[in-house]
Amino acid sequence: MLNEFLRAGAHYLTHAEWGCMAGVHTAWIIVEADNDELARLMVPPVIRREALLARLNRFTPDQIRQLNEQAHSRPGS
């Protein structure tokens, strides 16, 4: 995959974080985009269709407490 990034252009290579040195041969690129379609366009063309997109978020302690309360209040919990 490194070679594909290199061929796609140095701008892709310099914006990727890699797990290779830890034995995880995956690249991560974190971008800000208005929607998934625009985010996908920021992925090197050679892997664009196969790329997994994941919207990231952060949680506050209160949000975690609320999620835990909701999970415990569901039937069967």
PDB file of N, CA and C in Angstrom:
ATOM      1  N   MET A   1       0.814  -1.180   0.000  1.00  0.00           N
ATOM      2  CA  MET A   1       0.000   0.000   0.000  1.00  0.00           C
ATOM      3  C   MET A   1       0.870   1.261   0.000  1.00  0.00           C
ATOM      4  N   LEU A   2       2.046   1.193   0.600  1.00  0.00           N
ATOM      5  CA  LEU A   2       2.930   2.358   0.613  1.00  0.00           C
ATOM      6  C   LEU A   2       3.235   2.842  -0.798  1.00  0.00           C
ATOM      7  N   ASN A   3       3.511   1.913  -1.686  1.00  0.00           N
ATOM      8  CA  ASN A   3       3.825   2.296  -3.063  1.00  0.00           C
ATOM      9  C   ASN A   3       2.639   2.967  -3.749  1.00  0.00           C
ATOM     10  N   GLU A   4       1.430   2.493  -3.474  1.00  0.00           N
ATOM     11  CA  GLU A   4       0.245   3.112  -4.052  1.00  0.00           C
ATOM     12  C   GLU A   4       0.109   4.562  -3.582  1.00  0.00           C
ATOM     13  N   PHE A   5       0.381   4.787  -2.309  1.00  0.00           N
ATOM     14  CA  PHE A   5       0.326   6.142  -1.785  1.00  0.00           C
ATOM     15  C   PHE A   5       1.395   7.013  -2.434  1.00  0.00           C
ATOM     16  N   LEU A   6       2.589   6.469  -2.581  1.00  0.00           N
ATOM     17  CA  LEU A   6       3.671   7.221  -3.201  1.00  0.00           C
ATOM     18  C   LEU A   6       3.331   7.591  -4.640  1.00  0.00           C
ATOM     19  N   ARG A   7       2.798   6.631  -5.386  1.00  0.00           N
ATOM     20  CA  ARG A   7       2.410   6.905  -6.772  1.00  0.00           C
ATOM     21  C   ARG A   7       1.270   7.916  -6.868  1.00  0.00           C
ATOM     22  N   ALA A   8       0.382   7.931  -5.878  1.00  0.00           N
ATOM     23  CA  ALA A   8      -0.752   8.848  -5.896  1.00  0.00           C
ATOM     24  C   ALA A   8      -0.316  10.288  -5.643  1.00  0.00           C
ATOM     25  N   GLY A   9       0.816  10.461  -4.991  1.00  0.00           N
ATOM     26  CA  GLY A   9       1.330  11.802  -4.728  1.00  0.00           C
ATOM     27  C   GLY A   9       1.786  11.954  -3.292  1.00  0.00           C
ATOM     28  N   ALA A  10       2.828  12.727  -3.119  1.00  0.00           N
ATOM     29  CA  ALA A  10       3.423  12.904  -1.793  1.00  0.00           C
ATOM     30  C   ALA A  10       2.430  13.504  -0.798  1.00  0.00           C
ATOM     31  N   HIS A  11       1.468  14.305  -1.278  1.00  0.00           N
ATOM     32  CA  HIS A  11       0.501  14.905  -0.355  1.00  0.00           C
ATOM     33  C   HIS A  11      -0.332  13.841   0.350  1.00  0.00           C
ATOM     34  N   TYR A  12      -0.611  12.726  -0.313  1.00  0.00           N
ATOM     35  CA  TYR A  12      -1.327  11.634   0.360  1.00  0.00           C
ATOM     36  C   TYR A  12      -0.421  10.984   1.400  1.00  0.00           C
ATOM     37  N   LEU A  13       0.805  10.738   1.024  1.00  0.00           N
ATOM     38  CA  LEU A  13       1.743  10.051   1.905  1.00  0.00           C
ATOM     39  C   LEU A  13       1.993  10.852   3.182  1.00  0.00           C
ATOM     40  N   THR A  14       2.115  12.160   3.059  1.00  0.00           N
ATOM     41  CA  THR A  14       2.437  12.981   4.228  1.00  0.00           C
ATOM     42  C   THR A  14       1.243  13.197   5.155  1.00  0.00           C
ATOM     43  N   HIS A  15       0.042  12.877   4.706  1.00  0.00           N
ATOM     44  CA  HIS A  15      -1.141  13.044   5.554  1.00  0.00           C
ATOM     45  C   HIS A  15      -1.632  11.731   6.155  1.00  0.00           C
ATOM     46  N   ALA A  16      -0.924  10.661   5.878  1.00  0.00           N
ATOM     47  CA  ALA A  16      -1.341   9.349   6.381  1.00  0.00           C
ATOM     48  C   ALA A  16      -0.544   8.980   7.628  1.00  0.00           C
ATOM     49  N   GLU A  17      -1.211   8.303   8.522  1.00  0.00           N
ATOM     50  CA  GLU A  17      -0.571   7.700   9.697  1.00  0.00           C
ATOM     51  C   GLU A  17      -0.566   6.202   9.448  1.00  0.00           C
ATOM     52  N   TRP A  18       0.535   5.559   9.785  1.00  0.00           N
ATOM     53  CA  TRP A  18       0.731   4.151   9.424  1.00  0.00           C
ATOM     54  C   TRP A  18       0.940   3.291  10.655  1.00  0.00           C
ATOM     55  N   GLY A  19       0.454   2.060  10.598  1.00  0.00           N
ATOM     56  CA  GLY A  19       0.658   1.100  11.675  1.00  0.00           C
ATOM     57  C   GLY A  19       1.681   0.037  11.343  1.00  0.00           C
ATOM     58  N   CYS A  20       2.362   0.171  10.213  1.00  0.00           N
ATOM     59  CA  CYS A  20       3.269  -0.873   9.714  1.00  0.00           C
ATOM     60  C   CYS A  20       4.355  -1.270  10.714  1.00  0.00           C
ATOM     61  N   MET A  21       4.926  -0.295  11.384  1.00  0.00           N
ATOM     62  CA  MET A  21       6.024  -0.601  12.303  1.00  0.00           C
ATOM     63  C   MET A  21       5.543  -1.408  13.506  1.00  0.00           C
ATOM     64  N   ALA A  22       4.238  -1.433  13.736  1.00  0.00           N
ATOM     65  CA  ALA A  22       3.652  -2.241  14.810  1.00  0.00           C
ATOM     66  C   ALA A  22       3.041  -3.523  14.259  1.00  0.00           C
ATOM     67  N   GLY A  23       3.270  -3.787  12.958  1.00  0.00           N
ATOM     68  CA  GLY A  23       2.741  -4.995  12.345  1.00  0.00           C
ATOM     69  C   GLY A  23       1.303  -4.855  11.858  1.00  0.00           C
ATOM     70  N   VAL A  24       0.754  -3.656  11.885  1.00  0.00           N
ATOM     71  CA  VAL A  24      -0.608  -3.398  11.419  1.00  0.00           C
ATOM     72  C   VAL A  24      -0.476  -2.644  10.102  1.00  0.00           C
ATOM     73  N   HIS A  25      -0.587  -3.343   9.012  1.00  0.00           N
ATOM     74  CA  HIS A  25      -0.326  -2.747   7.705  1.00  0.00           C
ATOM     75  C   HIS A  25      -1.564  -2.030   7.179  1.00  0.00           C
ATOM     76  N   THR A  26      -1.838  -0.914   7.839  1.00  0.00           N
ATOM     77  CA  THR A  26      -3.001  -0.091   7.549  1.00  0.00           C
ATOM     78  C   THR A  26      -2.578   1.365   7.636  1.00  0.00           C
ATOM     79  N   ALA A  27      -3.247   2.193   6.842  1.00  0.00           N
ATOM     80  CA  ALA A  27      -3.028   3.637   6.907  1.00  0.00           C
ATOM     81  C   ALA A  27      -4.312   4.295   7.380  1.00  0.00           C
ATOM     82  N   TRP A  28      -4.159   5.360   8.118  1.00  0.00           N
ATOM     83  CA  TRP A  28      -5.289   6.161   8.555  1.00  0.00           C
ATOM     84  C   TRP A  28      -5.052   7.590   8.100  1.00  0.00           C
ATOM     85  N   ILE A  29      -6.091   8.196   7.580  1.00  0.00           N
ATOM     86  CA  ILE A  29      -6.047   9.610   7.229  1.00  0.00           C
ATOM     87  C   ILE A  29      -7.249  10.264   7.896  1.00  0.00           C
ATOM     88  N   ILE A  30      -7.005  11.259   8.701  1.00  0.00           N
ATOM     89  CA  ILE A  30      -8.090  11.962   9.365  1.00  0.00           C
ATOM     90  C   ILE A  30      -8.300  13.279   8.629  1.00  0.00           C
ATOM     91  N   VAL A  31      -9.525  13.479   8.160  1.00  0.00           N
ATOM     92  CA  VAL A  31      -9.861  14.681   7.402  1.00  0.00           C
ATOM     93  C   VAL A  31     -11.142  15.288   7.951  1.00  0.00           C
ATOM     94  N   GLU A  32     -11.325  16.546   7.669  1.00  0.00           N
ATOM     95  CA  GLU A  32     -12.602  17.197   7.949  1.00  0.00           C
ATOM     96  C   GLU A  32     -13.303  17.383   6.626  1.00  0.00           C
ATOM     97  N   ALA A  33     -14.534  16.915   6.547  1.00  0.00           N
ATOM     98  CA  ALA A  33     -15.310  17.019   5.313  1.00  0.00           C
ATOM     99  C   ALA A  33     -16.775  17.216   5.665  1.00  0.00           C
ATOM    100  N   ASP A  34     -17.504  17.830   4.755  1.00  0.00           N
ATOM    101  CA  ASP A  34     -18.924  18.080   4.989  1.00  0.00           C
ATOM    102  C   ASP A  34     -19.777  16.826   4.868  1.00  0.00           C
ATOM    103  N   ASN A  35     -19.284  15.812   4.140  1.00  0.00           N
ATOM    104  CA  ASN A  35     -20.048  14.577   3.988  1.00  0.00           C
ATOM    105  C   ASN A  35     -19.116  13.448   3.570  1.00  0.00           C
ATOM    106  N   ASP A  36     -19.648  12.221   3.554  1.00  0.00           N
ATOM    107  CA  ASP A  36     -18.837  11.045   3.231  1.00  0.00           C
ATOM    108  C   ASP A  36     -18.284  11.098   1.811  1.00  0.00           C
ATOM    109  N   GLU A  37     -19.072  11.614   0.886  1.00  0.00           N
ATOM    110  CA  GLU A  37     -18.625  11.670  -0.511  1.00  0.00           C
ATOM    111  C   GLU A  37     -17.381  12.548  -0.647  1.00  0.00           C
ATOM    112  N   LEU A  38     -17.386  13.693   0.004  1.00  0.00           N
ATOM    113  CA  LEU A  38     -16.219  14.572  -0.053  1.00  0.00           C
ATOM    114  C   LEU A  38     -15.026  13.964   0.676  1.00  0.00           C
ATOM    115  N   ALA A  39     -15.287  13.268   1.770  1.00  0.00           N
ATOM    116  CA  ALA A  39     -14.198  12.602   2.494  1.00  0.00           C
ATOM    117  C   ALA A  39     -13.566  11.526   1.619  1.00  0.00           C
ATOM    118  N   ARG A  40     -14.376  10.763   0.923  1.00  0.00           N
ATOM    119  CA  ARG A  40     -13.855   9.691   0.062  1.00  0.00           C
ATOM    120  C   ARG A  40     -12.959  10.258  -1.038  1.00  0.00           C
ATOM    121  N   LEU A  41     -13.278  11.445  -1.520  1.00  0.00           N
ATOM    122  CA  LEU A  41     -12.456  12.065  -2.563  1.00  0.00           C
ATOM    123  C   LEU A  41     -11.060  12.431  -2.066  1.00  0.00           C
ATOM    124  N   MET A  42     -10.868  12.444  -0.768  1.00  0.00           N
ATOM    125  CA  MET A  42      -9.564  12.764  -0.192  1.00  0.00           C
ATOM    126  C   MET A  42      -8.675  11.535  -0.035  1.00  0.00           C
ATOM    127  N   VAL A  43      -9.210  10.376  -0.363  1.00  0.00           N
ATOM    128  CA  VAL A  43      -8.470   9.116  -0.292  1.00  0.00           C
ATOM    129  C   VAL A  43      -7.783   8.888  -1.639  1.00  0.00           C
ATOM    130  N   PRO A  44      -6.563   8.332  -1.650  1.00  0.00           N
ATOM    131  CA  PRO A  44      -5.895   8.068  -2.929  1.00  0.00           C
ATOM    132  C   PRO A  44      -6.800   7.270  -3.863  1.00  0.00           C
ATOM    133  N   PRO A  45      -6.861   7.650  -5.133  1.00  0.00           N
ATOM    134  CA  PRO A  45      -7.771   7.009  -6.082  1.00  0.00           C
ATOM    135  C   PRO A  45      -7.666   5.491  -6.136  1.00  0.00           C
ATOM    136  N   VAL A  46      -6.473   4.946  -6.003  1.00  0.00           N
ATOM    137  CA  VAL A  46      -6.292   3.505  -6.164  1.00  0.00           C
ATOM    138  C   VAL A  46      -7.004   2.697  -5.073  1.00  0.00           C
ATOM    139  N   ILE A  47      -7.260   3.287  -3.916  1.00  0.00           N
ATOM    140  CA  ILE A  47      -7.947   2.565  -2.835  1.00  0.00           C
ATOM    141  C   ILE A  47      -9.261   3.232  -2.436  1.00  0.00           C
ATOM    142  N   ARG A  48      -9.684   4.217  -3.183  1.00  0.00           N
ATOM    143  CA  ARG A  48     -10.857   5.020  -2.821  1.00  0.00           C
ATOM    144  C   ARG A  48     -12.120   4.187  -2.626  1.00  0.00           C
ATOM    145  N   ARG A  49     -12.395   3.258  -3.523  1.00  0.00           N
ATOM    146  CA  ARG A  49     -13.647   2.482  -3.422  1.00  0.00           C
ATOM    147  C   ARG A  49     -13.651   1.522  -2.243  1.00  0.00           C
ATOM    148  N   GLU A  50     -12.470   1.021  -1.870  1.00  0.00           N
ATOM    149  CA  GLU A  50     -12.394   0.044  -0.778  1.00  0.00           C
ATOM    150  C   GLU A  50     -12.213   0.692   0.589  1.00  0.00           C
ATOM    151  N   ALA A  51     -11.945   1.979   0.622  1.00  0.00           N
ATOM    152  CA  ALA A  51     -11.641   2.639   1.892  1.00  0.00           C
ATOM    153  C   ALA A  51     -12.831   2.595   2.840  1.00  0.00           C
ATOM    154  N   LEU A  52     -12.543   2.357   4.087  1.00  0.00           N
ATOM    155  CA  LEU A  52     -13.557   2.373   5.136  1.00  0.00           C
ATOM    156  C   LEU A  52     -13.597   3.781   5.715  1.00  0.00           C
ATOM    157  N   LEU A  53     -14.750   4.396   5.657  1.00  0.00           N
ATOM    158  CA  LEU A  53     -14.924   5.717   6.247  1.00  0.00           C
ATOM    159  C   LEU A  53     -15.578   5.566   7.607  1.00  0.00           C
ATOM    160  N   ALA A  54     -15.079   6.295   8.579  1.00  0.00           N
ATOM    161  CA  ALA A  54     -15.657   6.258   9.923  1.00  0.00           C
ATOM    162  C   ALA A  54     -15.704   7.677  10.467  1.00  0.00           C
ATOM    163  N   ARG A  55     -16.893   8.122  10.824  1.00  0.00           N
ATOM    164  CA  ARG A  55     -17.009   9.430  11.469  1.00  0.00           C
ATOM    165  C   ARG A  55     -16.532   9.287  12.904  1.00  0.00           C
ATOM    166  N   LEU A  56     -15.631  10.152  13.285  1.00  0.00           N
ATOM    167  CA  LEU A  56     -15.063  10.099  14.628  1.00  0.00           C
ATOM    168  C   LEU A  56     -15.743  11.131  15.509  1.00  0.00           C
ATOM    169  N   ASN A  57     -15.774  10.855  16.788  1.00  0.00           N
ATOM    170  CA  ASN A  57     -16.332  11.789  17.749  1.00  0.00           C
ATOM    171  C   ASN A  57     -15.608  11.633  19.068  1.00  0.00           C
ATOM    172  N   ARG A  58     -15.820  12.587  19.923  1.00  0.00           N
ATOM    173  CA  ARG A  58     -15.306  12.535  21.292  1.00  0.00           C
ATOM    174  C   ARG A  58     -16.497  12.522  22.229  1.00  0.00           C
ATOM    175  N   PHE A  59     -16.280  11.978  23.420  1.00  0.00           N
ATOM    176  CA  PHE A  59     -17.326  11.927  24.431  1.00  0.00           C
ATOM    177  C   PHE A  59     -16.908  12.723  25.650  1.00  0.00           C
ATOM    178  N   THR A  60     -17.872  13.367  26.268  1.00  0.00           N
ATOM    179  CA  THR A  60     -17.645  13.986  27.568  1.00  0.00           C
ATOM    180  C   THR A  60     -17.991  12.939  28.624  1.00  0.00           C
ATOM    181  N   PRO A  61     -17.518  13.132  29.846  1.00  0.00           N
ATOM    182  CA  PRO A  61     -17.896  12.190  30.905  1.00  0.00           C
ATOM    183  C   PRO A  61     -19.417  12.082  31.072  1.00  0.00           C
ATOM    184  N   ASP A  62     -20.126  13.204  30.952  1.00  0.00           N
ATOM    185  CA  ASP A  62     -21.589  13.179  31.083  1.00  0.00           C
ATOM    186  C   ASP A  62     -22.233  12.347  29.975  1.00  0.00           C
ATOM    187  N   GLN A  63     -21.737  12.458  28.756  1.00  0.00           N
ATOM    188  CA  GLN A  63     -22.288  11.661  27.653  1.00  0.00           C
ATOM    189  C   GLN A  63     -22.084  10.168  27.912  1.00  0.00           C
ATOM    190  N   ILE A  64     -20.944   9.805  28.446  1.00  0.00           N
ATOM    191  CA  ILE A  64     -20.679   8.387  28.748  1.00  0.00           C
ATOM    192  C   ILE A  64     -21.639   7.901  29.824  1.00  0.00           C
ATOM    193  N   ARG A  65     -21.854   8.711  30.848  1.00  0.00           N
ATOM    194  CA  ARG A  65     -22.808   8.329  31.903  1.00  0.00           C
ATOM    195  C   ARG A  65     -24.205   8.145  31.323  1.00  0.00           C
ATOM    196  N   GLN A  66     -24.629   9.061  30.445  1.00  0.00           N
ATOM    197  CA  GLN A  66     -25.949   8.960  29.826  1.00  0.00           C
ATOM    198  C   GLN A  66     -26.063   7.702  28.970  1.00  0.00           C
ATOM    199  N   LEU A  67     -25.030   7.394  28.206  1.00  0.00           N
ATOM    200  CA  LEU A  67     -25.053   6.177  27.391  1.00  0.00           C
ATOM    201  C   LEU A  67     -25.151   4.934  28.266  1.00  0.00           C
ATOM    202  N   ASN A  68     -24.419   4.925  29.383  1.00  0.00           N
ATOM    203  CA  ASN A  68     -24.488   3.794  30.306  1.00  0.00           C
ATOM    204  C   ASN A  68     -25.877   3.656  30.917  1.00  0.00           C
ATOM    205  N   GLU A  69     -26.473   4.779  31.300  1.00  0.00           N
ATOM    206  CA  GLU A  69     -27.833   4.752  31.865  1.00  0.00           C
ATOM    207  C   GLU A  69     -28.838   4.217  30.846  1.00  0.00           C
ATOM    208  N   GLN A  70     -28.726   4.672  29.602  1.00  0.00           N
ATOM    209  CA  GLN A  70     -29.629   4.207  28.551  1.00  0.00           C
ATOM    210  C   GLN A  70     -29.469   2.709  28.315  1.00  0.00           C
ATOM    211  N   ALA A  71     -28.233   2.229  28.317  1.00  0.00           N
ATOM    212  CA  ALA A  71     -27.982   0.815  28.085  1.00  0.00           C
ATOM    213  C   ALA A  71     -28.550  -0.039  29.212  1.00  0.00           C
ATOM    214  N   HIS A  72     -28.462   0.447  30.441  1.00  0.00           N
ATOM    215  CA  HIS A  72     -28.958  -0.322  31.581  1.00  0.00           C
ATOM    216  C   HIS A  72     -30.467  -0.224  31.764  1.00  0.00           C
ATOM    217  N   SER A  73     -31.093   0.761  31.135  1.00  0.00           N
ATOM    218  CA  SER A  73     -32.530   0.907  31.285  1.00  0.00           C
ATOM    219  C   SER A  73     -33.310   0.184  30.185  1.00  0.00           C
ATOM    220  N   ARG A  74     -32.621  -0.368  29.218  1.00  0.00           N
ATOM    221  CA  ARG A  74     -33.302  -1.125  28.141  1.00  0.00           C
ATOM    222  C   ARG A  74     -33.786  -2.470  28.672  1.00  0.00           C
ATOM    223  N   PRO A  75     -34.916  -2.930  28.165  1.00  0.00           N
ATOM    224  CA  PRO A  75     -35.409  -4.256  28.556  1.00  0.00           C
ATOM    225  C   PRO A  75     -34.371  -5.327  28.222  1.00  0.00           C
ATOM    226  N   GLY A  76     -34.162  -6.226  29.137  1.00  0.00           N
ATOM    227  CA  GLY A  76     -33.234  -7.329  28.920  1.00  0.00           C
ATOM    228  C   GLY A  76     -31.814  -6.981  29.312  1.00  0.00           C
ATOM    229  N   SER A  77     -31.603  -5.787  29.878  1.00  0.00           N
ATOM    230  CA  SER A  77     -30.250  -5.382  30.273  1.00  0.00           C
ATOM    231  C   SER A  77     -29.960  -5.847  31.678  1.00  0.00           C
TER     232      SER A  77
END
